[in-house]
Amino acid sequence: MNKFSIYRFLFFVMISMALSTTTCLASGKGDHDHNHGMSAHMQAMHALKDKVPKDYQIMERTPIIPDQESLQRGADIFQGQCVVCHGQQGKGNGPAAKSLNPKPANFLDQEHSAIYGPGEKFWIIGNGSGETGMPAFSSLSLIDRWDLVNHIYQLQGTEAEMEKHEHEH
């Protein structure tokens, strides 16, 4: 194969790949169509995820050990601040939930739970979200917010998060 044939072949491969990608996107099979069929709340959550600063997106665990003291403080904060929207067990069915659109997050829904990591949950608690209607709780101390994240993981029954801390400390 001469040099011209190689360039021609590479050009053909690149054009074929470009056409394949364009066809995929035009047919709705690309990433831009991932919101199709999602509830309004889930669409809002995905939109919010893009706004969370990268420093919080990469946090894979809470810096506060989810011991009994932290979990109790988180439960107390949850009772005082969160139950009205999220309900006693975090199912998104608190007394105010009926009048909210989109509905509050159901922390027991595994699809919902997997969207945000610990750092993202922490950031959302402090900054709120116009997309989902979540108010900002910026008056909570940093430790209180982490205790609340620990409690939310406990509500979800996410033992893996707690076990991470036990093995690392």
N, C-alpha and C. Protein backbone atom coordinates (compact mmCIF):
# COMPACT_ATOMS: atom_id res chain seq x y z
N MET A 1 0.84 -1.17 0.00
CA MET A 1 0.00 0.00 0.00
C MET A 1 0.89 1.24 0.00
N ASN A 2 0.60 2.16 -0.90
CA ASN A 2 1.41 3.37 -0.94
C ASN A 2 0.86 4.40 0.05
N LYS A 3 1.59 5.48 0.22
CA LYS A 3 1.25 6.53 1.18
C LYS A 3 -0.12 7.14 0.88
N PHE A 4 -0.43 7.37 -0.40
CA PHE A 4 -1.71 7.94 -0.79
C PHE A 4 -2.86 7.01 -0.41
N SER A 5 -2.69 5.73 -0.59
CA SER A 5 -3.73 4.75 -0.26
C SER A 5 -4.00 4.71 1.24
N ILE A 6 -2.96 4.84 2.03
CA ILE A 6 -3.12 4.84 3.49
C ILE A 6 -3.92 6.06 3.93
N TYR A 7 -3.58 7.24 3.40
CA TYR A 7 -4.32 8.45 3.74
C TYR A 7 -5.77 8.36 3.31
N ARG A 8 -5.99 7.81 2.14
CA ARG A 8 -7.35 7.64 1.64
C ARG A 8 -8.16 6.71 2.56
N PHE A 9 -7.53 5.63 2.97
CA PHE A 9 -8.17 4.68 3.86
C PHE A 9 -8.51 5.34 5.20
N LEU A 10 -7.54 6.08 5.80
CA LEU A 10 -7.78 6.75 7.07
C LEU A 10 -8.88 7.80 6.94
N PHE A 11 -8.91 8.52 5.82
CA PHE A 11 -9.96 9.50 5.57
C PHE A 11 -11.32 8.82 5.53
N PHE A 12 -11.41 7.69 4.84
CA PHE A 12 -12.66 6.94 4.75
C PHE A 12 -13.13 6.47 6.14
N VAL A 13 -12.19 5.99 6.96
CA VAL A 13 -12.54 5.53 8.31
C VAL A 13 -13.06 6.69 9.15
N MET A 14 -12.40 7.85 9.07
CA MET A 14 -12.83 9.01 9.85
C MET A 14 -14.22 9.49 9.41
N ILE A 15 -14.47 9.52 8.11
CA ILE A 15 -15.78 9.94 7.61
C ILE A 15 -16.84 8.94 8.07
N SER A 16 -16.55 7.67 8.01
CA SER A 16 -17.50 6.64 8.44
C SER A 16 -17.84 6.79 9.92
N MET A 17 -16.83 7.05 10.73
CA MET A 17 -17.06 7.22 12.16
C MET A 17 -17.89 8.47 12.42
N ALA A 18 -17.61 9.55 11.72
CA ALA A 18 -18.37 10.79 11.89
C ALA A 18 -19.83 10.58 11.51
N LEU A 19 -20.06 9.90 10.41
CA LEU A 19 -21.44 9.65 9.97
C LEU A 19 -22.16 8.75 10.96
N SER A 20 -21.48 7.77 11.49
CA SER A 20 -22.07 6.86 12.46
C SER A 20 -22.48 7.61 13.72
N THR A 21 -21.62 8.49 14.22
CA THR A 21 -21.92 9.28 15.41
C THR A 21 -23.09 10.22 15.16
N THR A 22 -23.09 10.88 14.00
CA THR A 22 -24.17 11.80 13.66
C THR A 22 -25.50 11.06 13.56
N THR A 23 -25.48 9.90 12.96
CA THR A 23 -26.70 9.10 12.84
C THR A 23 -27.22 8.68 14.20
N CYS A 24 -26.31 8.28 15.07
CA CYS A 24 -26.70 7.87 16.42
C CYS A 24 -27.34 9.02 17.17
N LEU A 25 -26.75 10.21 17.12
CA LEU A 25 -27.30 11.37 17.81
C LEU A 25 -28.64 11.79 17.21
N ALA A 26 -28.74 11.76 15.92
CA ALA A 26 -29.98 12.17 15.26
C ALA A 26 -31.12 11.19 15.55
N SER A 27 -30.78 9.94 15.79
CA SER A 27 -31.82 8.95 16.05
C SER A 27 -32.29 8.95 17.50
N GLY A 28 -31.65 9.79 18.35
CA GLY A 28 -32.05 9.85 19.75
C GLY A 28 -31.36 8.82 20.61
N LYS A 29 -30.34 8.16 20.09
CA LYS A 29 -29.65 7.14 20.87
C LYS A 29 -28.41 7.70 21.56
N GLY A 30 -28.17 8.98 21.41
CA GLY A 30 -27.01 9.61 22.03
C GLY A 30 -27.31 10.00 23.46
N ASP A 31 -26.30 10.52 24.16
CA ASP A 31 -26.43 10.90 25.55
C ASP A 31 -27.43 12.04 25.77
N HIS A 32 -27.61 12.90 24.77
CA HIS A 32 -28.48 14.05 24.96
C HIS A 32 -29.93 13.66 25.21
N ASP A 33 -30.27 12.43 24.98
CA ASP A 33 -31.65 11.99 25.11
C ASP A 33 -31.88 11.21 26.41
N HIS A 34 -30.93 11.30 27.37
CA HIS A 34 -31.05 10.47 28.58
C HIS A 34 -32.20 10.88 29.49
N ASN A 35 -32.78 12.05 29.30
CA ASN A 35 -33.89 12.48 30.14
C ASN A 35 -35.24 11.98 29.65
N HIS A 36 -35.29 11.42 28.46
CA HIS A 36 -36.55 10.98 27.89
C HIS A 36 -37.20 9.93 28.80
N GLY A 37 -38.43 10.17 29.17
CA GLY A 37 -39.17 9.22 29.99
C GLY A 37 -38.92 9.34 31.48
N MET A 38 -38.06 10.26 31.91
CA MET A 38 -37.79 10.44 33.34
C MET A 38 -38.85 11.33 33.96
N SER A 39 -39.06 11.13 35.25
CA SER A 39 -39.97 12.00 35.99
C SER A 39 -39.36 13.41 36.04
N ALA A 40 -40.19 14.39 36.31
CA ALA A 40 -39.72 15.77 36.41
C ALA A 40 -38.66 15.90 37.50
N HIS A 41 -38.85 15.19 38.61
CA HIS A 41 -37.88 15.25 39.69
C HIS A 41 -36.53 14.68 39.25
N MET A 42 -36.55 13.54 38.58
CA MET A 42 -35.28 12.93 38.14
C MET A 42 -34.58 13.82 37.11
N GLN A 43 -35.33 14.44 36.21
CA GLN A 43 -34.73 15.37 35.25
C GLN A 43 -34.07 16.53 35.98
N ALA A 44 -34.76 17.05 36.98
CA ALA A 44 -34.22 18.17 37.76
C ALA A 44 -32.96 17.74 38.50
N MET A 45 -32.96 16.53 39.02
CA MET A 45 -31.78 16.04 39.74
C MET A 45 -30.57 15.93 38.82
N HIS A 46 -30.78 15.43 37.63
CA HIS A 46 -29.67 15.32 36.68
C HIS A 46 -29.16 16.70 36.27
N ALA A 47 -30.07 17.66 36.12
CA ALA A 47 -29.67 19.03 35.79
C ALA A 47 -28.85 19.64 36.93
N LEU A 48 -29.26 19.38 38.16
CA LEU A 48 -28.55 19.89 39.32
C LEU A 48 -27.16 19.29 39.44
N LYS A 49 -27.03 18.01 39.15
CA LYS A 49 -25.73 17.33 39.27
C LYS A 49 -24.65 18.07 38.49
N ASP A 50 -25.00 18.60 37.33
CA ASP A 50 -24.03 19.33 36.51
C ASP A 50 -23.60 20.64 37.16
N LYS A 51 -24.40 21.17 38.09
CA LYS A 51 -24.08 22.44 38.74
C LYS A 51 -23.23 22.27 40.00
N VAL A 52 -23.19 21.06 40.54
CA VAL A 52 -22.42 20.83 41.76
C VAL A 52 -20.93 20.95 41.41
N PRO A 53 -20.19 21.77 42.16
CA PRO A 53 -18.75 21.91 41.87
C PRO A 53 -18.02 20.57 41.90
N LYS A 54 -17.04 20.45 41.03
CA LYS A 54 -16.27 19.19 40.89
C LYS A 54 -15.66 18.74 42.21
N ASP A 55 -15.22 19.69 43.05
CA ASP A 55 -14.61 19.32 44.33
C ASP A 55 -15.56 18.48 45.19
N TYR A 56 -16.85 18.70 45.04
CA TYR A 56 -17.83 17.93 45.81
C TYR A 56 -18.23 16.65 45.08
N GLN A 57 -18.16 16.67 43.76
CA GLN A 57 -18.52 15.49 42.98
C GLN A 57 -17.54 14.34 43.22
N ILE A 58 -16.30 14.66 43.53
CA ILE A 58 -15.30 13.60 43.68
C ILE A 58 -15.22 13.03 45.10
N MET A 59 -15.95 13.62 46.05
CA MET A 59 -15.92 13.13 47.43
C MET A 59 -16.69 11.81 47.51
N GLU A 60 -15.99 10.74 47.79
CA GLU A 60 -16.59 9.41 47.79
C GLU A 60 -17.04 8.93 49.16
N ARG A 61 -16.70 9.68 50.19
CA ARG A 61 -17.13 9.29 51.53
C ARG A 61 -17.24 10.54 52.40
N THR A 62 -17.93 10.42 53.50
CA THR A 62 -18.06 11.55 54.40
C THR A 62 -16.82 11.62 55.29
N PRO A 63 -16.37 12.83 55.62
CA PRO A 63 -15.19 12.94 56.50
C PRO A 63 -15.54 12.73 57.97
N ILE A 64 -16.82 12.66 58.28
CA ILE A 64 -17.28 12.42 59.66
C ILE A 64 -17.67 10.95 59.78
N ILE A 65 -17.02 10.25 60.68
CA ILE A 65 -17.33 8.83 60.88
C ILE A 65 -18.79 8.68 61.29
N PRO A 66 -19.53 7.81 60.60
CA PRO A 66 -20.95 7.64 60.91
C PRO A 66 -21.16 6.77 62.15
N ASP A 67 -20.61 7.23 63.27
CA ASP A 67 -20.81 6.51 64.53
C ASP A 67 -22.17 6.87 65.12
N GLN A 68 -22.49 6.29 66.25
CA GLN A 68 -23.81 6.51 66.86
C GLN A 68 -24.07 7.99 67.14
N GLU A 69 -23.04 8.70 67.58
CA GLU A 69 -23.20 10.12 67.89
C GLU A 69 -23.55 10.93 66.64
N SER A 70 -22.81 10.70 65.56
CA SER A 70 -23.08 11.40 64.30
C SER A 70 -24.46 11.05 63.77
N LEU A 71 -24.80 9.78 63.79
CA LEU A 71 -26.10 9.34 63.27
C LEU A 71 -27.25 9.92 64.08
N GLN A 72 -27.07 10.04 65.40
CA GLN A 72 -28.12 10.61 66.24
C GLN A 72 -28.27 12.11 65.95
N ARG A 73 -27.14 12.82 65.83
CA ARG A 73 -27.22 14.25 65.49
C ARG A 73 -27.90 14.43 64.13
N GLY A 74 -27.54 13.59 63.16
CA GLY A 74 -28.16 13.66 61.84
C GLY A 74 -29.65 13.38 61.90
N ALA A 75 -30.04 12.40 62.72
CA ALA A 75 -31.47 12.07 62.87
C ALA A 75 -32.23 13.23 63.50
N ASP A 76 -31.61 13.88 64.48
CA ASP A 76 -32.26 15.02 65.14
C ASP A 76 -32.44 16.18 64.15
N ILE A 77 -31.43 16.44 63.35
CA ILE A 77 -31.52 17.51 62.34
C ILE A 77 -32.59 17.15 61.32
N PHE A 78 -32.60 15.90 60.90
CA PHE A 78 -33.59 15.43 59.92
C PHE A 78 -35.00 15.66 60.46
N GLN A 79 -35.22 15.30 61.73
CA GLN A 79 -36.54 15.49 62.34
C GLN A 79 -36.94 16.96 62.37
N GLY A 80 -36.00 17.83 62.66
CA GLY A 80 -36.31 19.25 62.77
C GLY A 80 -36.40 20.00 61.45
N GLN A 81 -35.66 19.55 60.44
CA GLN A 81 -35.56 20.31 59.21
C GLN A 81 -36.14 19.62 57.97
N CYS A 82 -36.13 18.31 57.93
CA CYS A 82 -36.36 17.59 56.67
C CYS A 82 -37.68 16.81 56.60
N VAL A 83 -38.18 16.38 57.74
CA VAL A 83 -39.36 15.52 57.79
C VAL A 83 -40.58 16.15 57.11
N VAL A 84 -40.73 17.46 57.23
CA VAL A 84 -41.90 18.12 56.68
C VAL A 84 -42.04 17.86 55.17
N CYS A 85 -40.93 17.72 54.47
CA CYS A 85 -40.98 17.42 53.02
C CYS A 85 -40.68 15.95 52.73
N HIS A 86 -39.63 15.43 53.37
CA HIS A 86 -39.15 14.08 53.02
C HIS A 86 -39.82 12.96 53.81
N GLY A 87 -40.57 13.29 54.87
CA GLY A 87 -41.26 12.26 55.65
C GLY A 87 -40.36 11.62 56.68
N GLN A 88 -40.97 10.90 57.64
CA GLN A 88 -40.24 10.28 58.75
C GLN A 88 -39.14 9.33 58.29
N GLN A 89 -39.43 8.51 57.28
CA GLN A 89 -38.45 7.54 56.81
C GLN A 89 -37.66 8.02 55.59
N GLY A 90 -37.91 9.25 55.14
CA GLY A 90 -37.18 9.78 53.98
C GLY A 90 -37.76 9.35 52.65
N LYS A 91 -39.04 8.99 52.63
CA LYS A 91 -39.67 8.50 51.40
C LYS A 91 -40.20 9.63 50.50
N GLY A 92 -40.00 10.89 50.91
CA GLY A 92 -40.50 12.00 50.09
C GLY A 92 -41.98 12.24 50.27
N ASN A 93 -42.53 11.76 51.38
CA ASN A 93 -43.98 11.83 51.59
C ASN A 93 -44.37 12.60 52.84
N GLY A 94 -43.59 13.65 53.17
CA GLY A 94 -43.92 14.47 54.33
C GLY A 94 -45.18 15.28 54.09
N PRO A 95 -45.71 15.93 55.13
CA PRO A 95 -46.96 16.68 55.01
C PRO A 95 -46.93 17.76 53.92
N ALA A 96 -45.80 18.38 53.69
CA ALA A 96 -45.71 19.44 52.67
C ALA A 96 -45.54 18.88 51.26
N ALA A 97 -45.23 17.62 51.14
CA ALA A 97 -44.92 17.02 49.83
C ALA A 97 -46.06 17.12 48.84
N LYS A 98 -47.28 17.05 49.33
CA LYS A 98 -48.45 17.06 48.44
C LYS A 98 -48.53 18.34 47.61
N SER A 99 -48.05 19.45 48.18
CA SER A 99 -48.17 20.74 47.49
C SER A 99 -46.92 21.10 46.70
N LEU A 100 -45.91 20.24 46.69
CA LEU A 100 -44.65 20.56 46.00
C LEU A 100 -44.57 19.91 44.63
N ASN A 101 -44.01 20.66 43.68
CA ASN A 101 -43.77 20.13 42.34
C ASN A 101 -42.45 20.70 41.84
N PRO A 102 -41.45 19.86 41.62
CA PRO A 102 -41.48 18.41 41.71
C PRO A 102 -41.53 17.94 43.18
N LYS A 103 -41.92 16.71 43.35
CA LYS A 103 -42.04 16.12 44.68
C LYS A 103 -40.66 16.01 45.33
N PRO A 104 -40.62 16.02 46.66
CA PRO A 104 -39.34 15.85 47.37
C PRO A 104 -38.71 14.49 47.07
N ALA A 105 -37.42 14.44 47.22
CA ALA A 105 -36.68 13.20 46.97
C ALA A 105 -37.11 12.09 47.92
N ASN A 106 -37.19 10.89 47.38
CA ASN A 106 -37.41 9.68 48.16
C ASN A 106 -36.04 9.05 48.32
N PHE A 107 -35.46 9.19 49.51
CA PHE A 107 -34.11 8.69 49.75
C PHE A 107 -34.02 7.18 49.71
N LEU A 108 -35.15 6.48 49.78
CA LEU A 108 -35.13 5.02 49.75
C LEU A 108 -35.17 4.47 48.33
N ASP A 109 -35.40 5.32 47.36
CA ASP A 109 -35.41 4.94 45.95
C ASP A 109 -33.96 4.79 45.49
N GLN A 110 -33.56 3.57 45.15
CA GLN A 110 -32.16 3.31 44.81
C GLN A 110 -31.70 4.06 43.55
N GLU A 111 -32.60 4.25 42.58
CA GLU A 111 -32.23 5.01 41.39
C GLU A 111 -31.90 6.45 41.79
N HIS A 112 -32.71 7.01 42.66
CA HIS A 112 -32.48 8.37 43.17
C HIS A 112 -31.17 8.41 43.95
N SER A 113 -30.99 7.46 44.83
CA SER A 113 -29.84 7.46 45.73
C SER A 113 -28.52 7.39 44.99
N ALA A 114 -28.50 6.74 43.87
CA ALA A 114 -27.25 6.55 43.13
C ALA A 114 -26.81 7.79 42.36
N ILE A 115 -27.67 8.78 42.21
CA ILE A 115 -27.33 9.95 41.41
C ILE A 115 -26.24 10.79 42.07
N TYR A 116 -26.35 11.01 43.37
CA TYR A 116 -25.41 11.87 44.08
C TYR A 116 -24.56 11.08 45.06
N GLY A 117 -23.29 11.45 45.11
CA GLY A 117 -22.39 10.89 46.11
C GLY A 117 -22.46 11.72 47.38
N PRO A 118 -21.68 11.35 48.40
CA PRO A 118 -21.72 12.06 49.68
C PRO A 118 -21.42 13.56 49.56
N GLY A 119 -20.40 13.92 48.79
CA GLY A 119 -20.04 15.33 48.65
C GLY A 119 -21.13 16.13 47.97
N GLU A 120 -21.77 15.51 46.99
CA GLU A 120 -22.87 16.19 46.29
C GLU A 120 -24.06 16.39 47.22
N LYS A 121 -24.38 15.39 48.02
CA LYS A 121 -25.47 15.52 49.00
C LYS A 121 -25.16 16.66 49.97
N PHE A 122 -23.93 16.70 50.46
CA PHE A 122 -23.48 17.74 51.38
C PHE A 122 -23.67 19.12 50.75
N TRP A 123 -23.22 19.28 49.50
CA TRP A 123 -23.31 20.56 48.81
C TRP A 123 -24.77 20.97 48.62
N ILE A 124 -25.62 20.05 48.24
CA ILE A 124 -27.03 20.35 48.01
C ILE A 124 -27.72 20.77 49.31
N ILE A 125 -27.40 20.13 50.41
CA ILE A 125 -27.99 20.51 51.70
C ILE A 125 -27.64 21.97 52.00
N GLY A 126 -26.41 22.36 51.78
CA GLY A 126 -25.99 23.72 52.09
C GLY A 126 -26.43 24.78 51.10
N ASN A 127 -26.60 24.38 49.83
CA ASN A 127 -26.89 25.35 48.77
C ASN A 127 -28.29 25.28 48.21
N GLY A 128 -28.98 24.20 48.49
CA GLY A 128 -30.33 24.04 47.96
C GLY A 128 -30.32 23.82 46.46
N SER A 129 -31.52 23.80 45.89
CA SER A 129 -31.65 23.56 44.46
C SER A 129 -32.95 24.15 43.94
N GLY A 130 -32.81 25.13 43.08
CA GLY A 130 -33.99 25.66 42.43
C GLY A 130 -34.63 24.63 41.52
N GLU A 131 -33.80 23.73 40.97
CA GLU A 131 -34.30 22.70 40.06
C GLU A 131 -35.26 21.73 40.74
N THR A 132 -34.94 21.35 41.97
CA THR A 132 -35.78 20.37 42.67
C THR A 132 -36.66 20.99 43.74
N GLY A 133 -36.47 22.27 44.03
CA GLY A 133 -37.25 22.92 45.07
C GLY A 133 -36.67 22.76 46.46
N MET A 134 -35.52 22.15 46.57
CA MET A 134 -34.87 21.94 47.86
C MET A 134 -34.33 23.28 48.37
N PRO A 135 -34.76 23.70 49.58
CA PRO A 135 -34.21 24.95 50.11
C PRO A 135 -32.77 24.76 50.59
N ALA A 136 -32.04 25.86 50.69
CA ALA A 136 -30.67 25.83 51.21
C ALA A 136 -30.71 25.83 52.73
N PHE A 137 -29.90 24.98 53.33
CA PHE A 137 -29.76 24.95 54.78
C PHE A 137 -28.34 25.40 55.12
N SER A 138 -27.99 26.60 54.66
CA SER A 138 -26.64 27.13 54.85
C SER A 138 -26.37 27.49 56.30
N SER A 139 -27.41 27.60 57.11
CA SER A 139 -27.21 27.91 58.53
C SER A 139 -26.71 26.69 59.32
N LEU A 140 -26.84 25.50 58.73
CA LEU A 140 -26.30 24.31 59.41
C LEU A 140 -24.78 24.34 59.34
N SER A 141 -24.14 23.96 60.43
CA SER A 141 -22.68 23.90 60.43
C SER A 141 -22.20 22.81 59.47
N LEU A 142 -20.93 22.85 59.12
CA LEU A 142 -20.37 21.84 58.22
C LEU A 142 -20.53 20.44 58.83
N ILE A 143 -20.26 20.33 60.13
CA ILE A 143 -20.39 19.03 60.80
C ILE A 143 -21.84 18.57 60.80
N ASP A 144 -22.78 19.50 61.04
CA ASP A 144 -24.20 19.13 61.02
C ASP A 144 -24.61 18.60 59.64
N ARG A 145 -24.10 19.23 58.59
CA ARG A 145 -24.43 18.76 57.24
C ARG A 145 -23.89 17.36 56.99
N TRP A 146 -22.67 17.10 57.45
CA TRP A 146 -22.11 15.76 57.28
C TRP A 146 -22.87 14.74 58.12
N ASP A 147 -23.27 15.12 59.33
CA ASP A 147 -24.08 14.22 60.16
C ASP A 147 -25.40 13.90 59.45
N LEU A 148 -25.97 14.90 58.80
CA LEU A 148 -27.21 14.70 58.06
C LEU A 148 -26.99 13.75 56.87
N VAL A 149 -25.88 13.91 56.17
CA VAL A 149 -25.55 12.99 55.07
C VAL A 149 -25.41 11.57 55.62
N ASN A 150 -24.72 11.42 56.74
CA ASN A 150 -24.59 10.09 57.35
C ASN A 150 -25.97 9.50 57.68
N HIS A 151 -26.85 10.32 58.21
CA HIS A 151 -28.21 9.85 58.53
C HIS A 151 -28.96 9.43 57.27
N ILE A 152 -28.83 10.20 56.21
CA ILE A 152 -29.51 9.84 54.95
C ILE A 152 -29.01 8.50 54.45
N TYR A 153 -27.69 8.27 54.52
CA TYR A 153 -27.17 6.95 54.13
C TYR A 153 -27.73 5.85 55.03
N GLN A 154 -27.88 6.14 56.30
CA GLN A 154 -28.45 5.15 57.21
C GLN A 154 -29.91 4.86 56.82
N LEU A 155 -30.67 5.90 56.50
CA LEU A 155 -32.06 5.70 56.06
C LEU A 155 -32.11 4.78 54.84
N GLN A 156 -31.16 4.96 53.96
CA GLN A 156 -31.12 4.18 52.72
C GLN A 156 -30.65 2.76 52.97
N GLY A 157 -30.11 2.52 54.16
CA GLY A 157 -29.58 1.20 54.43
C GLY A 157 -28.29 0.94 53.69
N THR A 158 -27.57 2.02 53.39
CA THR A 158 -26.32 1.89 52.65
C THR A 158 -25.21 1.55 53.62
N GLU A 159 -25.07 0.28 53.87
CA GLU A 159 -24.04 -0.19 54.79
C GLU A 159 -22.64 0.01 54.22
N ALA A 160 -22.53 0.00 52.91
CA ALA A 160 -21.21 0.13 52.28
C ALA A 160 -20.52 1.42 52.69
N GLU A 161 -21.26 2.51 52.79
CA GLU A 161 -20.68 3.79 53.18
C GLU A 161 -20.14 3.71 54.60
N MET A 162 -20.90 3.10 55.50
CA MET A 162 -20.46 2.98 56.87
C MET A 162 -19.28 2.03 56.98
N GLU A 163 -19.30 0.95 56.23
CA GLU A 163 -18.21 -0.03 56.28
C GLU A 163 -16.91 0.56 55.78
N LYS A 164 -16.97 1.47 54.83
CA LYS A 164 -15.76 2.14 54.33
C LYS A 164 -15.02 2.78 55.50
N HIS A 165 -15.76 3.48 56.36
CA HIS A 165 -15.15 4.17 57.47
C HIS A 165 -14.56 3.19 58.49
N GLU A 166 -15.25 2.10 58.74
CA GLU A 166 -14.79 1.13 59.71
C GLU A 166 -13.49 0.49 59.26
N HIS A 167 -13.33 0.24 57.98
CA HIS A 167 -12.12 -0.39 57.46
C HIS A 167 -10.98 0.59 57.29
N GLU A 168 -11.29 1.87 57.12
CA GLU A 168 -10.25 2.87 56.88
C GLU A 168 -9.73 3.48 58.16
N HIS A 169 -10.46 3.35 59.27
CA HIS A 169 -10.03 4.02 60.51
C HIS A 169 -9.68 3.02 61.56
